[in-house]
Amino acid sequence: MPDNSAYLRHVQKMLAHADISTTQIYIHVSRSKLADVHVKSHPSALSNLSIF
């Protein structure tokens, strides 16, 4: 959500976090990093790779 311009305080309320520092932990993972990890490790992504 923060990648799409959502305010951190709104995300905090949606997740019911009492402290903003708890919410900040979750936004340190960027979308591109997450996509990279998915492609390298998730079984559904690995099944799309050629094994030859």
PDB file of N, CA and C in Angstrom:
ATOM      1  N   MET A   1       0.803  -1.197   0.000  1.00  0.00           N
ATOM      2  CA  MET A   1       0.000   0.000   0.000  1.00  0.00           C
ATOM      3  C   MET A   1       0.849   1.266   0.000  1.00  0.00           C
ATOM      4  N   PRO A   2       1.893   1.324   0.822  1.00  0.00           N
ATOM      5  CA  PRO A   2       2.735   2.522   0.766  1.00  0.00           C
ATOM      6  C   PRO A   2       3.390   2.726  -0.594  1.00  0.00           C
ATOM      7  N   ASP A   3       3.638   1.648  -1.326  1.00  0.00           N
ATOM      8  CA  ASP A   3       4.193   1.780  -2.669  1.00  0.00           C
ATOM      9  C   ASP A   3       3.229   2.511  -3.599  1.00  0.00           C
ATOM     10  N   ASN A   4       1.949   2.481  -3.258  1.00  0.00           N
ATOM     11  CA  ASN A   4       0.927   3.141  -4.060  1.00  0.00           C
ATOM     12  C   ASN A   4       0.396   4.402  -3.385  1.00  0.00           C
ATOM     13  N   SER A   5       1.234   5.054  -2.611  1.00  0.00           N
ATOM     14  CA  SER A   5       0.959   6.351  -1.983  1.00  0.00           C
ATOM     15  C   SER A   5      -0.022   6.315  -0.817  1.00  0.00           C
ATOM     16  N   ALA A   6      -0.211   5.177  -0.178  1.00  0.00           N
ATOM     17  CA  ALA A   6      -1.063   5.135   1.013  1.00  0.00           C
ATOM     18  C   ALA A   6      -0.295   5.752   2.186  1.00  0.00           C
ATOM     19  N   TYR A   7      -1.013   6.460   3.014  1.00  0.00           N
ATOM     20  CA  TYR A   7      -0.388   7.058   4.187  1.00  0.00           C
ATOM     21  C   TYR A   7      -0.091   5.980   5.222  1.00  0.00           C
ATOM     22  N   LEU A   8       1.073   6.065   5.821  1.00  0.00           N
ATOM     23  CA  LEU A   8       1.499   5.075   6.798  1.00  0.00           C
ATOM     24  C   LEU A   8       0.526   4.993   7.970  1.00  0.00           C
ATOM     25  N   ARG A   9      -0.019   6.115   8.393  1.00  0.00           N
ATOM     26  CA  ARG A   9      -0.984   6.122   9.509  1.00  0.00           C
ATOM     27  C   ARG A   9      -2.259   5.352   9.150  1.00  0.00           C
ATOM     28  N   HIS A  10      -2.687   5.418   7.899  1.00  0.00           N
ATOM     29  CA  HIS A  10      -3.869   4.662   7.485  1.00  0.00           C
ATOM     30  C   HIS A  10      -3.577   3.165   7.507  1.00  0.00           C
ATOM     31  N   VAL A  11      -2.402   2.798   7.058  1.00  0.00           N
ATOM     32  CA  VAL A  11      -2.000   1.393   7.091  1.00  0.00           C
ATOM     33  C   VAL A  11      -1.918   0.921   8.543  1.00  0.00           C
ATOM     34  N   GLN A  12      -1.386   1.754   9.403  1.00  0.00           N
ATOM     35  CA  GLN A  12      -1.288   1.433  10.823  1.00  0.00           C
ATOM     36  C   GLN A  12      -2.673   1.134  11.404  1.00  0.00           C
ATOM     37  N   LYS A  13      -3.638   1.961  11.094  1.00  0.00           N
ATOM     38  CA  LYS A  13      -4.990   1.756  11.611  1.00  0.00           C
ATOM     39  C   LYS A  13      -5.618   0.488  11.044  1.00  0.00           C
ATOM     40  N   MET A  14      -5.396   0.217   9.758  1.00  0.00           N
ATOM     41  CA  MET A  14      -5.963  -0.982   9.138  1.00  0.00           C
ATOM     42  C   MET A  14      -5.397  -2.257   9.761  1.00  0.00           C
ATOM     43  N   LEU A  15      -4.110  -2.208  10.123  1.00  0.00           N
ATOM     44  CA  LEU A  15      -3.469  -3.372  10.724  1.00  0.00           C
ATOM     45  C   LEU A  15      -3.661  -3.437  12.237  1.00  0.00           C
ATOM     46  N   ALA A  16      -4.282  -2.407  12.792  1.00  0.00           N
ATOM     47  CA  ALA A  16      -4.552  -2.307  14.235  1.00  0.00           C
ATOM     48  C   ALA A  16      -3.272  -2.326  15.063  1.00  0.00           C
ATOM     49  N   HIS A  17      -2.245  -1.651  14.552  1.00  0.00           N
ATOM     50  CA  HIS A  17      -0.998  -1.530  15.306  1.00  0.00           C
ATOM     51  C   HIS A  17      -1.096  -0.337  16.250  1.00  0.00           C
ATOM     52  N   ALA A  18      -0.715  -0.538  17.491  1.00  0.00           N
ATOM     53  CA  ALA A  18      -0.757   0.541  18.470  1.00  0.00           C
ATOM     54  C   ALA A  18       0.371   1.540  18.232  1.00  0.00           C
ATOM     55  N   ASP A  19       1.495   1.064  17.741  1.00  0.00           N
ATOM     56  CA  ASP A  19       2.667   1.921  17.561  1.00  0.00           C
ATOM     57  C   ASP A  19       3.064   1.964  16.094  1.00  0.00           C
ATOM     58  N   ILE A  20       3.389   3.147  15.613  1.00  0.00           N
ATOM     59  CA  ILE A  20       3.762   3.324  14.205  1.00  0.00           C
ATOM     60  C   ILE A  20       5.043   2.560  13.846  1.00  0.00           C
ATOM     61  N   SER A  21       5.920   2.359  14.816  1.00  0.00           N
ATOM     62  CA  SER A  21       7.180   1.644  14.532  1.00  0.00           C
ATOM     63  C   SER A  21       6.915   0.195  14.141  1.00  0.00           C
ATOM     64  N   THR A  22       5.838  -0.388  14.648  1.00  0.00           N
ATOM     65  CA  THR A  22       5.473  -1.751  14.257  1.00  0.00           C
ATOM     66  C   THR A  22       5.086  -1.790  12.785  1.00  0.00           C
ATOM     67  N   THR A  23       4.351  -0.799  12.343  1.00  0.00           N
ATOM     68  CA  THR A  23       3.923  -0.732  10.945  1.00  0.00           C
ATOM     69  C   THR A  23       5.112  -0.490  10.023  1.00  0.00           C
ATOM     70  N   GLN A  24       6.063   0.301  10.461  1.00  0.00           N
ATOM     71  CA  GLN A  24       7.222   0.636   9.638  1.00  0.00           C
ATOM     72  C   GLN A  24       8.050  -0.590   9.290  1.00  0.00           C
ATOM     73  N   ILE A  25       8.017  -1.591  10.134  1.00  0.00           N
ATOM     74  CA  ILE A  25       8.759  -2.830   9.855  1.00  0.00           C
ATOM     75  C   ILE A  25       8.313  -3.426   8.526  1.00  0.00           C
ATOM     76  N   TYR A  26       7.024  -3.366   8.245  1.00  0.00           N
ATOM     77  CA  TYR A  26       6.470  -4.006   7.057  1.00  0.00           C
ATOM     78  C   TYR A  26       6.734  -3.246   5.769  1.00  0.00           C
ATOM     79  N   ILE A  27       7.039  -1.975   5.834  1.00  0.00           N
ATOM     80  CA  ILE A  27       7.196  -1.219   4.594  1.00  0.00           C
ATOM     81  C   ILE A  27       8.635  -1.168   4.096  1.00  0.00           C
ATOM     82  N   HIS A  28       9.552  -1.814   4.804  1.00  0.00           N
ATOM     83  CA  HIS A  28      10.942  -1.818   4.361  1.00  0.00           C
ATOM     84  C   HIS A  28      11.188  -2.788   3.214  1.00  0.00           C
ATOM     85  N   VAL A  29      10.255  -3.674   2.964  1.00  0.00           N
ATOM     86  CA  VAL A  29      10.377  -4.613   1.859  1.00  0.00           C
ATOM     87  C   VAL A  29       9.754  -3.963   0.626  1.00  0.00           C
ATOM     88  N   SER A  30      10.576  -3.701  -0.357  1.00  0.00           N
ATOM     89  CA  SER A  30      10.063  -3.062  -1.565  1.00  0.00           C
ATOM     90  C   SER A  30       9.382  -4.088  -2.461  1.00  0.00           C
ATOM     91  N   ARG A  31       8.520  -3.607  -3.311  1.00  0.00           N
ATOM     92  CA  ARG A  31       7.795  -4.481  -4.226  1.00  0.00           C
ATOM     93  C   ARG A  31       8.757  -5.206  -5.169  1.00  0.00           C
ATOM     94  N   SER A  32       9.781  -4.520  -5.656  1.00  0.00           N
ATOM     95  CA  SER A  32      10.717  -5.164  -6.589  1.00  0.00           C
ATOM     96  C   SER A  32      11.515  -6.262  -5.892  1.00  0.00           C
ATOM     97  N   LYS A  33      11.899  -6.042  -4.641  1.00  0.00           N
ATOM     98  CA  LYS A  33      12.626  -7.064  -3.886  1.00  0.00           C
ATOM     99  C   LYS A  33      11.735  -8.278  -3.643  1.00  0.00           C
ATOM    100  N   LEU A  34      10.493  -8.025  -3.288  1.00  0.00           N
ATOM    101  CA  LEU A  34       9.552  -9.107  -3.051  1.00  0.00           C
ATOM    102  C   LEU A  34       9.313  -9.915  -4.326  1.00  0.00           C
ATOM    103  N   ALA A  35       9.177  -9.246  -5.455  1.00  0.00           N
ATOM    104  CA  ALA A  35       8.988  -9.932  -6.731  1.00  0.00           C
ATOM    105  C   ALA A  35      10.211 -10.767  -7.085  1.00  0.00           C
ATOM    106  N   ASP A  36      11.400 -10.245  -6.800  1.00  0.00           N
ATOM    107  CA  ASP A  36      12.635 -10.966  -7.075  1.00  0.00           C
ATOM    108  C   ASP A  36      12.711 -12.252  -6.252  1.00  0.00           C
ATOM    109  N   VAL A  37      12.382 -12.172  -4.978  1.00  0.00           N
ATOM    110  CA  VAL A  37      12.386 -13.350  -4.108  1.00  0.00           C
ATOM    111  C   VAL A  37      11.340 -14.361  -4.575  1.00  0.00           C
ATOM    112  N   HIS A  38      10.191 -13.882  -4.994  1.00  0.00           N
ATOM    113  CA  HIS A  38       9.135 -14.769  -5.482  1.00  0.00           C
ATOM    114  C   HIS A  38       9.600 -15.554  -6.696  1.00  0.00           C
ATOM    115  N   VAL A  39      10.193 -14.870  -7.641  1.00  0.00           N
ATOM    116  CA  VAL A  39      10.640 -15.529  -8.874  1.00  0.00           C
ATOM    117  C   VAL A  39      11.723 -16.562  -8.575  1.00  0.00           C
ATOM    118  N   LYS A  40      12.568 -16.287  -7.598  1.00  0.00           N
ATOM    119  CA  LYS A  40      13.676 -17.192  -7.289  1.00  0.00           C
ATOM    120  C   LYS A  40      13.284 -18.374  -6.411  1.00  0.00           C
ATOM    121  N   SER A  41      12.132 -18.289  -5.705  1.00  0.00           N
ATOM    122  CA  SER A  41      11.870 -19.334  -4.726  1.00  0.00           C
ATOM    123  C   SER A  41      10.468 -19.931  -4.703  1.00  0.00           C
ATOM    124  N   HIS A  42       9.469 -19.256  -5.193  1.00  0.00           N
ATOM    125  CA  HIS A  42       8.109 -19.778  -5.088  1.00  0.00           C
ATOM    126  C   HIS A  42       7.874 -20.882  -6.118  1.00  0.00           C
ATOM    127  N   PRO A  43       7.285 -21.995  -5.707  1.00  0.00           N
ATOM    128  CA  PRO A  43       7.086 -23.123  -6.624  1.00  0.00           C
ATOM    129  C   PRO A  43       6.320 -22.760  -7.903  1.00  0.00           C
ATOM    130  N   SER A  44       5.315 -21.921  -7.801  1.00  0.00           N
ATOM    131  CA  SER A  44       4.565 -21.578  -9.015  1.00  0.00           C
ATOM    132  C   SER A  44       5.400 -20.750  -9.975  1.00  0.00           C
ATOM    133  N   ALA A  45       6.304 -19.955  -9.454  1.00  0.00           N
ATOM    134  CA  ALA A  45       7.188 -19.174 -10.320  1.00  0.00           C
ATOM    135  C   ALA A  45       8.273 -20.077 -10.912  1.00  0.00           C
ATOM    136  N   LEU A  46       8.759 -21.015 -10.117  1.00  0.00           N
ATOM    137  CA  LEU A  46       9.805 -21.925 -10.591  1.00  0.00           C
ATOM    138  C   LEU A  46       9.278 -22.859 -11.680  1.00  0.00           C
ATOM    139  N   SER A  47       8.010 -23.206 -11.638  1.00  0.00           N
ATOM    140  CA  SER A  47       7.459 -24.109 -12.646  1.00  0.00           C
ATOM    141  C   SER A  47       7.407 -23.450 -14.019  1.00  0.00           C
ATOM    142  N   ASN A  48       7.496 -22.141 -14.072  1.00  0.00           N
ATOM    143  CA  ASN A  48       7.490 -21.421 -15.357  1.00  0.00           C
ATOM    144  C   ASN A  48       8.870 -21.327 -15.976  1.00  0.00           C
ATOM    145  N   LEU A  49       9.906 -21.708 -15.237  1.00  0.00           N
ATOM    146  CA  LEU A  49      11.264 -21.642 -15.753  1.00  0.00           C
ATOM    147  C   LEU A  49      11.577 -22.899 -16.566  1.00  0.00           C
ATOM    148  N   SER A  50      12.360 -22.727 -17.564  1.00  0.00           N
ATOM    149  CA  SER A  50      12.768 -23.854 -18.375  1.00  0.00           C
ATOM    150  C   SER A  50      13.841 -24.658 -17.642  1.00  0.00           C
ATOM    151  N   ILE A  51      13.729 -25.976 -17.647  1.00  0.00           N
ATOM    152  CA  ILE A  51      14.718 -26.809 -16.981  1.00  0.00           C
ATOM    153  C   ILE A  51      15.752 -27.350 -17.957  1.00  0.00           C
ATOM    154  N   PHE A  52      15.664 -26.973 -19.210  1.00  0.00           N
ATOM    155  CA  PHE A  52      16.630 -27.448 -20.204  1.00  0.00           C
ATOM    156  C   PHE A  52      17.645 -26.405 -20.513  1.00  0.00           C
TER     157      PHE A  52
END
